[in-house]
Amino acid sequence: MDKNSLSHTRWECKYHIVFALECQRKMIYEKIRTDIDRVLSERCKKKG
């Protein structure tokens, strides 16, 4: 586990950055749109 630190702060960055062309973004978004809608809806219901 690789952790970075400063004086009083520690963090572990696990982001994955993907660059996609506009047409690829549209295709990907269309495929996962229902999943995104479902997850956001569930989160909103939990928060109230």
PDB file of N, CA and C in Angstrom:
ATOM      1  N   MET A   1       0.845  -1.167   0.000  1.00  0.00           N
ATOM      2  CA  MET A   1       0.000   0.000   0.000  1.00  0.00           C
ATOM      3  C   MET A   1       0.896   1.238   0.000  1.00  0.00           C
ATOM      4  N   ASP A   2       0.836   2.013  -1.055  1.00  0.00           N
ATOM      5  CA  ASP A   2       1.670   3.200  -1.202  1.00  0.00           C
ATOM      6  C   ASP A   2       0.893   4.420  -0.721  1.00  0.00           C
ATOM      7  N   LYS A   3       1.338   5.021   0.381  1.00  0.00           N
ATOM      8  CA  LYS A   3       0.657   6.197   0.922  1.00  0.00           C
ATOM      9  C   LYS A   3       1.582   7.401   0.828  1.00  0.00           C
ATOM     10  N   ASN A   4       1.005   8.534   0.496  1.00  0.00           N
ATOM     11  CA  ASN A   4       1.739   9.792   0.445  1.00  0.00           C
ATOM     12  C   ASN A   4       1.456  10.562   1.722  1.00  0.00           C
ATOM     13  N   SER A   5       2.367  11.449   2.105  1.00  0.00           N
ATOM     14  CA  SER A   5       2.114  12.219   3.319  1.00  0.00           C
ATOM     15  C   SER A   5       2.785  13.585   3.270  1.00  0.00           C
ATOM     16  N   LEU A   6       2.213  14.486   4.049  1.00  0.00           N
ATOM     17  CA  LEU A   6       2.777  15.800   4.319  1.00  0.00           C
ATOM     18  C   LEU A   6       2.919  15.886   5.832  1.00  0.00           C
ATOM     19  N   SER A   7       3.138  17.057   6.375  1.00  0.00           N
ATOM     20  CA  SER A   7       3.346  17.212   7.818  1.00  0.00           C
ATOM     21  C   SER A   7       2.257  16.551   8.655  1.00  0.00           C
ATOM     22  N   HIS A   8       0.997  16.911   8.412  1.00  0.00           N
ATOM     23  CA  HIS A   8      -0.095  16.422   9.248  1.00  0.00           C
ATOM     24  C   HIS A   8      -1.169  15.709   8.432  1.00  0.00           C
ATOM     25  N   THR A   9      -0.836  15.293   7.247  1.00  0.00           N
ATOM     26  CA  THR A   9      -1.834  14.700   6.362  1.00  0.00           C
ATOM     27  C   THR A   9      -1.276  13.448   5.705  1.00  0.00           C
ATOM     28  N   ARG A  10      -2.119  12.430   5.608  1.00  0.00           N
ATOM     29  CA  ARG A  10      -1.768  11.213   4.866  1.00  0.00           C
ATOM     30  C   ARG A  10      -2.892  10.931   3.884  1.00  0.00           C
ATOM     31  N   TRP A  11      -2.564  10.438   2.723  1.00  0.00           N
ATOM     32  CA  TRP A  11      -3.592  10.093   1.756  1.00  0.00           C
ATOM     33  C   TRP A  11      -3.126   8.953   0.880  1.00  0.00           C
ATOM     34  N   GLU A  12      -4.098   8.321   0.272  1.00  0.00           N
ATOM     35  CA  GLU A  12      -3.835   7.242  -0.671  1.00  0.00           C
ATOM     36  C   GLU A  12      -4.721   7.505  -1.883  1.00  0.00           C
ATOM     37  N   CYS A  13      -4.126   7.817  -2.999  1.00  0.00           N
ATOM     38  CA  CYS A  13      -4.865   8.181  -4.201  1.00  0.00           C
ATOM     39  C   CYS A  13      -5.075   6.949  -5.076  1.00  0.00           C
ATOM     40  N   LYS A  14      -6.348   6.652  -5.381  1.00  0.00           N
ATOM     41  CA  LYS A  14      -6.661   5.475  -6.195  1.00  0.00           C
ATOM     42  C   LYS A  14      -7.565   5.845  -7.370  1.00  0.00           C
ATOM     43  N   TYR A  15      -7.328   6.967  -8.002  1.00  0.00           N
ATOM     44  CA  TYR A  15      -8.141   7.377  -9.134  1.00  0.00           C
ATOM     45  C   TYR A  15      -7.577   6.800 -10.426  1.00  0.00           C
ATOM     46  N   HIS A  16      -8.474   6.496 -11.350  1.00  0.00           N
ATOM     47  CA  HIS A  16      -8.088   5.990 -12.656  1.00  0.00           C
ATOM     48  C   HIS A  16      -8.649   6.965 -13.682  1.00  0.00           C
ATOM     49  N   ILE A  17      -7.788   7.616 -14.424  1.00  0.00           N
ATOM     50  CA  ILE A  17      -8.217   8.615 -15.402  1.00  0.00           C
ATOM     51  C   ILE A  17      -8.234   7.986 -16.788  1.00  0.00           C
ATOM     52  N   VAL A  18      -9.359   8.173 -17.484  1.00  0.00           N
ATOM     53  CA  VAL A  18      -9.513   7.614 -18.824  1.00  0.00           C
ATOM     54  C   VAL A  18      -9.894   8.746 -19.776  1.00  0.00           C
ATOM     55  N   PHE A  19      -9.180   8.852 -20.867  1.00  0.00           N
ATOM     56  CA  PHE A  19      -9.507   9.825 -21.895  1.00  0.00           C
ATOM     57  C   PHE A  19     -10.256   9.098 -23.005  1.00  0.00           C
ATOM     58  N   ALA A  20     -11.401   9.667 -23.413  1.00  0.00           N
ATOM     59  CA  ALA A  20     -12.200   9.027 -24.456  1.00  0.00           C
ATOM     60  C   ALA A  20     -12.649  10.077 -25.468  1.00  0.00           C
ATOM     61  N   LEU A  21     -12.753   9.652 -26.713  1.00  0.00           N
ATOM     62  CA  LEU A  21     -13.274  10.534 -27.748  1.00  0.00           C
ATOM     63  C   LEU A  21     -14.759  10.763 -27.504  1.00  0.00           C
ATOM     64  N   GLU A  22     -15.304  11.827 -28.094  1.00  0.00           N
ATOM     65  CA  GLU A  22     -16.706  12.173 -27.861  1.00  0.00           C
ATOM     66  C   GLU A  22     -17.647  11.022 -28.212  1.00  0.00           C
ATOM     67  N   CYS A  23     -17.443  10.364 -29.348  1.00  0.00           N
ATOM     68  CA  CYS A  23     -18.333   9.267 -29.739  1.00  0.00           C
ATOM     69  C   CYS A  23     -18.209   8.088 -28.776  1.00  0.00           C
ATOM     70  N   GLN A  24     -17.006   7.840 -28.270  1.00  0.00           N
ATOM     71  CA  GLN A  24     -16.816   6.767 -27.296  1.00  0.00           C
ATOM     72  C   GLN A  24     -17.518   7.101 -25.986  1.00  0.00           C
ATOM     73  N   ARG A  25     -17.431   8.364 -25.556  1.00  0.00           N
ATOM     74  CA  ARG A  25     -18.101   8.784 -24.323  1.00  0.00           C
ATOM     75  C   ARG A  25     -19.597   8.571 -24.428  1.00  0.00           C
ATOM     76  N   LYS A  26     -20.169   8.906 -25.573  1.00  0.00           N
ATOM     77  CA  LYS A  26     -21.612   8.734 -25.767  1.00  0.00           C
ATOM     78  C   LYS A  26     -21.989   7.262 -25.675  1.00  0.00           C
ATOM     79  N   MET A  27     -21.209   6.397 -26.309  1.00  0.00           N
ATOM     80  CA  MET A  27     -21.494   4.955 -26.267  1.00  0.00           C
ATOM     81  C   MET A  27     -21.399   4.422 -24.843  1.00  0.00           C
ATOM     82  N   ILE A  28     -20.348   4.798 -24.138  1.00  0.00           N
ATOM     83  CA  ILE A  28     -20.145   4.322 -22.770  1.00  0.00           C
ATOM     84  C   ILE A  28     -21.270   4.821 -21.878  1.00  0.00           C
ATOM     85  N   TYR A  29     -21.615   6.100 -22.001  1.00  0.00           N
ATOM     86  CA  TYR A  29     -22.654   6.676 -21.157  1.00  0.00           C
ATOM     87  C   TYR A  29     -23.996   6.000 -21.399  1.00  0.00           C
ATOM     88  N   GLU A  30     -24.325   5.732 -22.666  1.00  0.00           N
ATOM     89  CA  GLU A  30     -25.591   5.070 -22.973  1.00  0.00           C
ATOM     90  C   GLU A  30     -25.662   3.690 -22.335  1.00  0.00           C
ATOM     91  N   LYS A  31     -24.537   2.988 -22.280  1.00  0.00           N
ATOM     92  CA  LYS A  31     -24.519   1.639 -21.709  1.00  0.00           C
ATOM     93  C   LYS A  31     -24.678   1.647 -20.198  1.00  0.00           C
ATOM     94  N   ILE A  32     -24.145   2.660 -19.524  1.00  0.00           N
ATOM     95  CA  ILE A  32     -24.182   2.647 -18.060  1.00  0.00           C
ATOM     96  C   ILE A  32     -25.187   3.636 -17.472  1.00  0.00           C
ATOM     97  N   ARG A  33     -25.943   4.296 -18.331  1.00  0.00           N
ATOM     98  CA  ARG A  33     -26.886   5.313 -17.854  1.00  0.00           C
ATOM     99  C   ARG A  33     -27.898   4.756 -16.861  1.00  0.00           C
ATOM    100  N   THR A  34     -28.466   3.597 -17.132  1.00  0.00           N
ATOM    101  CA  THR A  34     -29.461   3.032 -16.217  1.00  0.00           C
ATOM    102  C   THR A  34     -28.840   2.717 -14.864  1.00  0.00           C
ATOM    103  N   ASP A  35     -27.607   2.231 -14.870  1.00  0.00           N
ATOM    104  CA  ASP A  35     -26.920   1.951 -13.604  1.00  0.00           C
ATOM    105  C   ASP A  35     -26.661   3.244 -12.830  1.00  0.00           C
ATOM    106  N   ILE A  36     -26.242   4.276 -13.527  1.00  0.00           N
ATOM    107  CA  ILE A  36     -25.986   5.565 -12.879  1.00  0.00           C
ATOM    108  C   ILE A  36     -27.276   6.106 -12.273  1.00  0.00           C
ATOM    109  N   ASP A  37     -28.366   6.059 -13.033  1.00  0.00           N
ATOM    110  CA  ASP A  37     -29.658   6.537 -12.536  1.00  0.00           C
ATOM    111  C   ASP A  37     -30.094   5.768 -11.296  1.00  0.00           C
ATOM    112  N   ARG A  38     -29.929   4.460 -11.305  1.00  0.00           N
ATOM    113  CA  ARG A  38     -30.331   3.619 -10.181  1.00  0.00           C
ATOM    114  C   ARG A  38     -29.522   3.955  -8.930  1.00  0.00           C
ATOM    115  N   VAL A  39     -28.211   4.042  -9.085  1.00  0.00           N
ATOM    116  CA  VAL A  39     -27.337   4.323  -7.941  1.00  0.00           C
ATOM    117  C   VAL A  39     -27.628   5.710  -7.363  1.00  0.00           C
ATOM    118  N   LEU A  40     -27.757   6.716  -8.214  1.00  0.00           N
ATOM    119  CA  LEU A  40     -28.047   8.068  -7.732  1.00  0.00           C
ATOM    120  C   LEU A  40     -29.401   8.132  -7.036  1.00  0.00           C
ATOM    121  N   SER A  41     -30.384   7.435  -7.580  1.00  0.00           N
ATOM    122  CA  SER A  41     -31.708   7.404  -6.968  1.00  0.00           C
ATOM    123  C   SER A  41     -31.650   6.778  -5.578  1.00  0.00           C
ATOM    124  N   GLU A  42     -30.934   5.664  -5.443  1.00  0.00           N
ATOM    125  CA  GLU A  42     -30.790   4.998  -4.146  1.00  0.00           C
ATOM    126  C   GLU A  42     -30.091   5.911  -3.146  1.00  0.00           C
ATOM    127  N   ARG A  43     -29.043   6.598  -3.572  1.00  0.00           N
ATOM    128  CA  ARG A  43     -28.296   7.496  -2.680  1.00  0.00           C
ATOM    129  C   ARG A  43     -29.173   8.662  -2.212  1.00  0.00           C
ATOM    130  N   CYS A  44     -29.963   9.211  -3.132  1.00  0.00           N
ATOM    131  CA  CYS A  44     -30.841  10.329  -2.773  1.00  0.00           C
ATOM    132  C   CYS A  44     -31.900   9.888  -1.768  1.00  0.00           C
ATOM    133  N   LYS A  45     -32.450   8.689  -1.953  1.00  0.00           N
ATOM    134  CA  LYS A  45     -33.453   8.177  -1.016  1.00  0.00           C
ATOM    135  C   LYS A  45     -32.851   7.977   0.369  1.00  0.00           C
ATOM    136  N   LYS A  46     -31.607   7.503   0.440  1.00  0.00           N
ATOM    137  CA  LYS A  46     -30.945   7.303   1.733  1.00  0.00           C
ATOM    138  C   LYS A  46     -30.701   8.632   2.441  1.00  0.00           C
ATOM    139  N   LYS A  47     -30.312   9.657   1.671  1.00  0.00           N
ATOM    140  CA  LYS A  47     -30.018  10.968   2.256  1.00  0.00           C
ATOM    141  C   LYS A  47     -31.290  11.701   2.674  1.00  0.00           C
ATOM    142  N   GLY A  48     -32.394  11.377   2.003  1.00  0.00           N
ATOM    143  CA  GLY A  48     -33.682  11.983   2.359  1.00  0.00           C
ATOM    144  C   GLY A  48     -33.952  13.181   1.560  1.00  0.00           C
TER     145      GLY A  48
END
